[in-house]
């Protein structure tokens, strides 16, 4: 992938949506909720501070994260034939262990 985020932005690949409910009912595409979990693919260098230095990023590529439902902007990833999210590091709620 040729994306290189800037500032405190990260690139996240969202997990696949659930195909069926806990009761075993198959869901059509229109009824699936978009998952709020994903894997960090790339991270920027960090937010620029007023003194000219950069704040260190807390996330790194490969981290599995949980993020808010309104987080980021979706883009098509032609190479992987899927979608990616570009969001600020602050939109991430936690790292899943």
N, C-alpha and C. Protein backbone atom coordinates (compact mmCIF):
# COMPACT_ATOMS: atom_id res chain seq x y z
N UNK A 1 0.85 -1.17 0.00
CA UNK A 1 0.00 0.00 0.00
C UNK A 1 0.89 1.22 0.00
N UNK A 2 0.53 2.23 -0.80
CA UNK A 2 1.37 3.41 -0.94
C UNK A 2 0.93 4.58 -0.08
N UNK A 3 0.11 4.38 0.93
CA UNK A 3 -0.34 5.47 1.78
C UNK A 3 0.64 5.71 2.92
N UNK A 4 0.97 6.98 3.13
CA UNK A 4 1.83 7.35 4.25
C UNK A 4 1.11 8.48 5.00
N UNK A 5 0.49 8.17 6.15
CA UNK A 5 -0.25 9.19 6.88
C UNK A 5 0.66 10.28 7.43
N UNK A 6 0.09 11.49 7.59
CA UNK A 6 0.85 12.61 8.13
C UNK A 6 0.31 12.99 9.51
N UNK A 7 1.11 13.70 10.28
CA UNK A 7 0.69 14.14 11.61
C UNK A 7 0.35 12.98 12.51
N UNK A 8 -0.79 13.12 13.22
CA UNK A 8 -1.21 12.06 14.15
C UNK A 8 -2.27 11.15 13.54
N UNK A 9 -2.23 11.00 12.23
CA UNK A 9 -3.21 10.14 11.56
C UNK A 9 -2.69 8.71 11.44
N UNK A 10 -3.65 7.79 11.36
CA UNK A 10 -3.33 6.37 11.20
C UNK A 10 -4.21 5.78 10.09
N UNK A 11 -3.75 4.70 9.49
CA UNK A 11 -4.52 3.96 8.49
C UNK A 11 -4.93 2.64 9.14
N UNK A 12 -6.23 2.36 9.11
CA UNK A 12 -6.77 1.16 9.75
C UNK A 12 -7.55 0.34 8.73
N UNK A 13 -7.35 -0.97 8.74
CA UNK A 13 -8.15 -1.88 7.92
C UNK A 13 -9.22 -2.46 8.83
N UNK A 14 -10.48 -2.17 8.51
CA UNK A 14 -11.61 -2.61 9.32
C UNK A 14 -11.80 -4.12 9.21
N UNK A 15 -12.21 -4.77 10.32
CA UNK A 15 -12.52 -6.21 10.30
C UNK A 15 -13.76 -6.46 9.46
N UNK A 16 -13.91 -7.66 8.97
CA UNK A 16 -15.08 -8.03 8.18
C UNK A 16 -16.32 -8.04 9.06
N UNK A 17 -17.46 -7.68 8.48
CA UNK A 17 -18.73 -7.66 9.20
C UNK A 17 -19.21 -9.08 9.47
N UNK A 18 -19.96 -9.25 10.54
CA UNK A 18 -20.52 -10.55 10.89
C UNK A 18 -21.51 -11.00 9.82
N UNK A 19 -21.44 -12.25 9.44
CA UNK A 19 -22.32 -12.80 8.41
C UNK A 19 -23.67 -13.24 8.97
N UNK A 20 -23.69 -13.61 10.26
CA UNK A 20 -24.95 -14.03 10.85
C UNK A 20 -25.02 -13.61 12.31
N UNK A 21 -26.23 -13.60 12.85
CA UNK A 21 -26.46 -13.19 14.22
C UNK A 21 -26.09 -14.31 15.18
N UNK A 22 -26.14 -14.03 16.48
CA UNK A 22 -25.85 -15.05 17.48
C UNK A 22 -26.85 -16.20 17.41
N UNK A 23 -28.06 -15.90 16.93
CA UNK A 23 -29.09 -16.93 16.80
C UNK A 23 -28.98 -17.73 15.52
N UNK A 24 -28.04 -17.38 14.64
CA UNK A 24 -27.81 -18.14 13.42
C UNK A 24 -28.51 -17.60 12.19
N UNK A 25 -29.12 -16.42 12.28
CA UNK A 25 -29.81 -15.84 11.14
C UNK A 25 -28.80 -15.15 10.23
N UNK A 26 -28.81 -15.49 8.94
CA UNK A 26 -27.91 -14.87 7.97
C UNK A 26 -28.37 -13.45 7.68
N UNK A 27 -27.41 -12.52 7.67
CA UNK A 27 -27.72 -11.11 7.46
C UNK A 27 -27.42 -10.68 6.02
N UNK A 28 -28.35 -9.93 5.40
CA UNK A 28 -28.02 -9.35 4.09
C UNK A 28 -27.06 -8.18 4.28
N UNK A 29 -26.37 -7.77 3.22
CA UNK A 29 -25.39 -6.68 3.32
C UNK A 29 -25.98 -5.40 3.89
N UNK A 30 -27.23 -5.10 3.56
CA UNK A 30 -27.86 -3.86 4.03
C UNK A 30 -28.12 -3.86 5.54
N UNK A 31 -28.18 -5.02 6.17
CA UNK A 31 -28.48 -5.11 7.60
C UNK A 31 -27.24 -5.26 8.47
N UNK A 32 -26.07 -5.40 7.86
CA UNK A 32 -24.85 -5.60 8.64
C UNK A 32 -24.36 -4.28 9.22
N UNK A 33 -23.97 -4.31 10.48
CA UNK A 33 -23.34 -3.15 11.10
C UNK A 33 -21.85 -3.17 10.77
N UNK A 34 -21.30 -1.99 10.53
CA UNK A 34 -19.87 -1.93 10.26
C UNK A 34 -19.13 -2.13 11.57
N UNK A 35 -18.18 -3.05 11.60
CA UNK A 35 -17.43 -3.30 12.84
C UNK A 35 -16.62 -2.08 13.27
N UNK A 36 -16.45 -1.94 14.57
CA UNK A 36 -15.66 -0.86 15.12
C UNK A 36 -14.30 -1.37 15.58
N UNK A 37 -13.84 -2.42 14.96
CA UNK A 37 -12.53 -3.01 15.24
C UNK A 37 -11.73 -3.05 13.95
N UNK A 38 -10.42 -3.00 14.11
CA UNK A 38 -9.58 -3.10 12.94
C UNK A 38 -8.12 -3.25 13.32
N UNK A 39 -7.28 -3.31 12.29
CA UNK A 39 -5.85 -3.46 12.46
C UNK A 39 -5.16 -2.24 11.88
N UNK A 40 -4.24 -1.67 12.65
CA UNK A 40 -3.49 -0.50 12.18
C UNK A 40 -2.51 -0.96 11.10
N UNK A 41 -2.57 -0.30 9.95
CA UNK A 41 -1.71 -0.64 8.82
C UNK A 41 -0.50 0.29 8.76
N UNK A 42 -0.72 1.58 9.04
CA UNK A 42 0.38 2.56 9.00
C UNK A 42 0.08 3.68 9.98
N UNK A 43 1.13 4.32 10.49
CA UNK A 43 0.99 5.45 11.41
C UNK A 43 1.83 6.62 10.93
N UNK A 44 1.36 7.82 11.24
CA UNK A 44 2.10 9.03 10.89
C UNK A 44 3.23 9.27 11.89
N UNK A 45 3.99 10.35 11.68
CA UNK A 45 5.14 10.64 12.55
C UNK A 45 4.76 11.22 13.91
N UNK A 46 3.52 11.67 14.09
CA UNK A 46 3.09 12.25 15.36
C UNK A 46 2.68 13.69 15.18
N UNK A 47 1.89 14.18 16.12
CA UNK A 47 1.37 15.55 16.06
C UNK A 47 2.49 16.54 16.33
N UNK A 48 2.50 17.62 15.58
CA UNK A 48 3.50 18.66 15.74
C UNK A 48 3.15 19.54 16.94
N UNK A 49 4.09 19.69 17.87
CA UNK A 49 3.89 20.53 19.05
C UNK A 49 4.24 21.98 18.71
N UNK A 50 3.80 22.95 19.53
CA UNK A 50 4.11 24.35 19.26
C UNK A 50 5.61 24.67 19.24
N UNK A 51 6.41 23.88 19.96
CA UNK A 51 7.86 24.14 19.98
C UNK A 51 8.59 23.52 18.79
N UNK A 52 7.84 22.86 17.88
CA UNK A 52 8.45 22.28 16.68
C UNK A 52 8.79 20.81 16.79
N UNK A 53 8.71 20.23 17.98
CA UNK A 53 8.98 18.80 18.13
C UNK A 53 7.70 18.02 17.85
N UNK A 54 7.81 16.72 17.78
CA UNK A 54 6.65 15.86 17.51
C UNK A 54 6.31 15.02 18.73
N UNK A 55 5.01 14.88 18.99
CA UNK A 55 4.54 14.00 20.06
C UNK A 55 4.64 12.55 19.57
N UNK A 56 5.13 11.68 20.40
CA UNK A 56 5.28 10.27 20.01
C UNK A 56 3.92 9.61 19.83
N UNK A 57 3.82 8.76 18.83
CA UNK A 57 2.58 8.02 18.58
C UNK A 57 2.48 6.85 19.56
N UNK A 58 1.28 6.60 20.06
CA UNK A 58 1.07 5.48 20.98
C UNK A 58 0.79 4.18 20.24
N UNK A 59 0.39 4.28 18.99
CA UNK A 59 0.05 3.10 18.20
C UNK A 59 1.16 2.76 17.23
N UNK A 60 1.16 1.51 16.79
CA UNK A 60 2.14 1.09 15.78
C UNK A 60 1.43 0.15 14.81
N UNK A 61 2.02 -0.05 13.66
CA UNK A 61 1.44 -0.95 12.67
C UNK A 61 1.29 -2.35 13.26
N UNK A 62 0.16 -2.97 13.01
CA UNK A 62 -0.10 -4.31 13.54
C UNK A 62 -0.98 -4.34 14.77
N UNK A 63 -1.15 -3.18 15.45
CA UNK A 63 -2.01 -3.13 16.63
C UNK A 63 -3.46 -3.38 16.23
N UNK A 64 -4.17 -4.17 17.03
CA UNK A 64 -5.61 -4.37 16.85
C UNK A 64 -6.29 -3.36 17.76
N UNK A 65 -7.20 -2.55 17.17
CA UNK A 65 -7.78 -1.44 17.91
C UNK A 65 -9.30 -1.44 17.84
N UNK A 66 -9.90 -0.76 18.82
CA UNK A 66 -11.33 -0.51 18.89
C UNK A 66 -11.49 0.99 18.75
N UNK A 67 -12.37 1.43 17.83
CA UNK A 67 -12.51 2.86 17.58
C UNK A 67 -13.97 3.27 17.58
N UNK A 68 -14.23 4.57 17.63
CA UNK A 68 -15.59 5.08 17.67
C UNK A 68 -16.29 4.84 16.33
N UNK A 69 -17.61 4.80 16.35
CA UNK A 69 -18.37 4.49 15.14
C UNK A 69 -18.27 5.58 14.09
N UNK A 70 -18.04 6.81 14.48
CA UNK A 70 -17.95 7.92 13.52
C UNK A 70 -16.50 8.24 13.15
N UNK A 71 -15.58 7.44 13.57
CA UNK A 71 -14.16 7.71 13.37
C UNK A 71 -13.73 7.56 11.91
N UNK A 72 -12.93 8.48 11.47
CA UNK A 72 -12.24 8.35 10.20
C UNK A 72 -13.06 8.53 8.95
N UNK A 73 -12.35 8.49 7.84
CA UNK A 73 -12.93 8.58 6.51
C UNK A 73 -12.59 7.30 5.76
N UNK A 74 -13.57 6.73 5.08
CA UNK A 74 -13.37 5.48 4.36
C UNK A 74 -12.87 5.73 2.95
N UNK A 75 -11.96 4.88 2.51
CA UNK A 75 -11.42 4.93 1.15
C UNK A 75 -11.34 3.52 0.61
N UNK A 76 -11.49 3.39 -0.69
CA UNK A 76 -11.33 2.09 -1.35
C UNK A 76 -9.84 1.80 -1.49
N UNK A 77 -9.46 0.57 -1.19
CA UNK A 77 -8.09 0.11 -1.36
C UNK A 77 -8.08 -0.86 -2.54
N UNK A 78 -7.70 -0.38 -3.70
CA UNK A 78 -7.74 -1.21 -4.91
C UNK A 78 -6.79 -2.40 -4.82
N UNK A 79 -5.65 -2.21 -4.17
CA UNK A 79 -4.66 -3.30 -4.08
C UNK A 79 -5.20 -4.49 -3.30
N UNK A 80 -5.89 -4.22 -2.20
CA UNK A 80 -6.41 -5.31 -1.36
C UNK A 80 -7.88 -5.60 -1.64
N UNK A 81 -8.48 -4.84 -2.57
CA UNK A 81 -9.88 -5.01 -2.94
C UNK A 81 -10.77 -4.91 -1.70
N UNK A 82 -10.61 -3.85 -0.94
CA UNK A 82 -11.41 -3.63 0.26
C UNK A 82 -11.42 -2.16 0.62
N UNK A 83 -11.78 -1.86 1.87
CA UNK A 83 -11.83 -0.49 2.35
C UNK A 83 -10.87 -0.29 3.50
N UNK A 84 -10.34 0.92 3.58
CA UNK A 84 -9.48 1.30 4.69
C UNK A 84 -10.04 2.57 5.32
N UNK A 85 -9.67 2.84 6.54
CA UNK A 85 -10.07 4.05 7.25
C UNK A 85 -8.83 4.90 7.51
N UNK A 86 -8.96 6.19 7.32
CA UNK A 86 -7.92 7.14 7.68
C UNK A 86 -8.49 7.97 8.81
N UNK A 87 -7.86 7.91 10.00
CA UNK A 87 -8.39 8.60 11.17
C UNK A 87 -7.28 9.17 12.04
N UNK A 88 -7.66 10.01 12.97
CA UNK A 88 -6.71 10.55 13.96
C UNK A 88 -6.48 9.50 15.04
N UNK A 89 -5.30 9.51 15.61
CA UNK A 89 -4.99 8.58 16.69
C UNK A 89 -5.96 8.72 17.86
N UNK A 90 -6.45 9.92 18.10
CA UNK A 90 -7.39 10.17 19.20
C UNK A 90 -8.75 9.53 19.04
N UNK A 91 -9.08 9.08 17.81
CA UNK A 91 -10.36 8.40 17.58
C UNK A 91 -10.34 6.94 18.06
N UNK A 92 -9.17 6.44 18.39
CA UNK A 92 -9.03 5.07 18.87
C UNK A 92 -9.32 5.05 20.36
N UNK A 93 -10.20 4.12 20.74
CA UNK A 93 -10.58 4.01 22.16
C UNK A 93 -9.61 3.15 22.96
N UNK A 94 -9.15 2.04 22.35
CA UNK A 94 -8.22 1.17 23.06
C UNK A 94 -7.54 0.21 22.10
N UNK A 95 -6.45 -0.37 22.58
CA UNK A 95 -5.75 -1.42 21.85
C UNK A 95 -6.21 -2.75 22.43
N UNK A 96 -6.60 -3.67 21.54
CA UNK A 96 -7.09 -4.97 21.99
C UNK A 96 -5.90 -5.91 22.17
N UNK A 97 -5.86 -6.61 23.27
CA UNK A 97 -4.73 -7.46 23.57
C UNK A 97 -4.89 -8.86 23.28
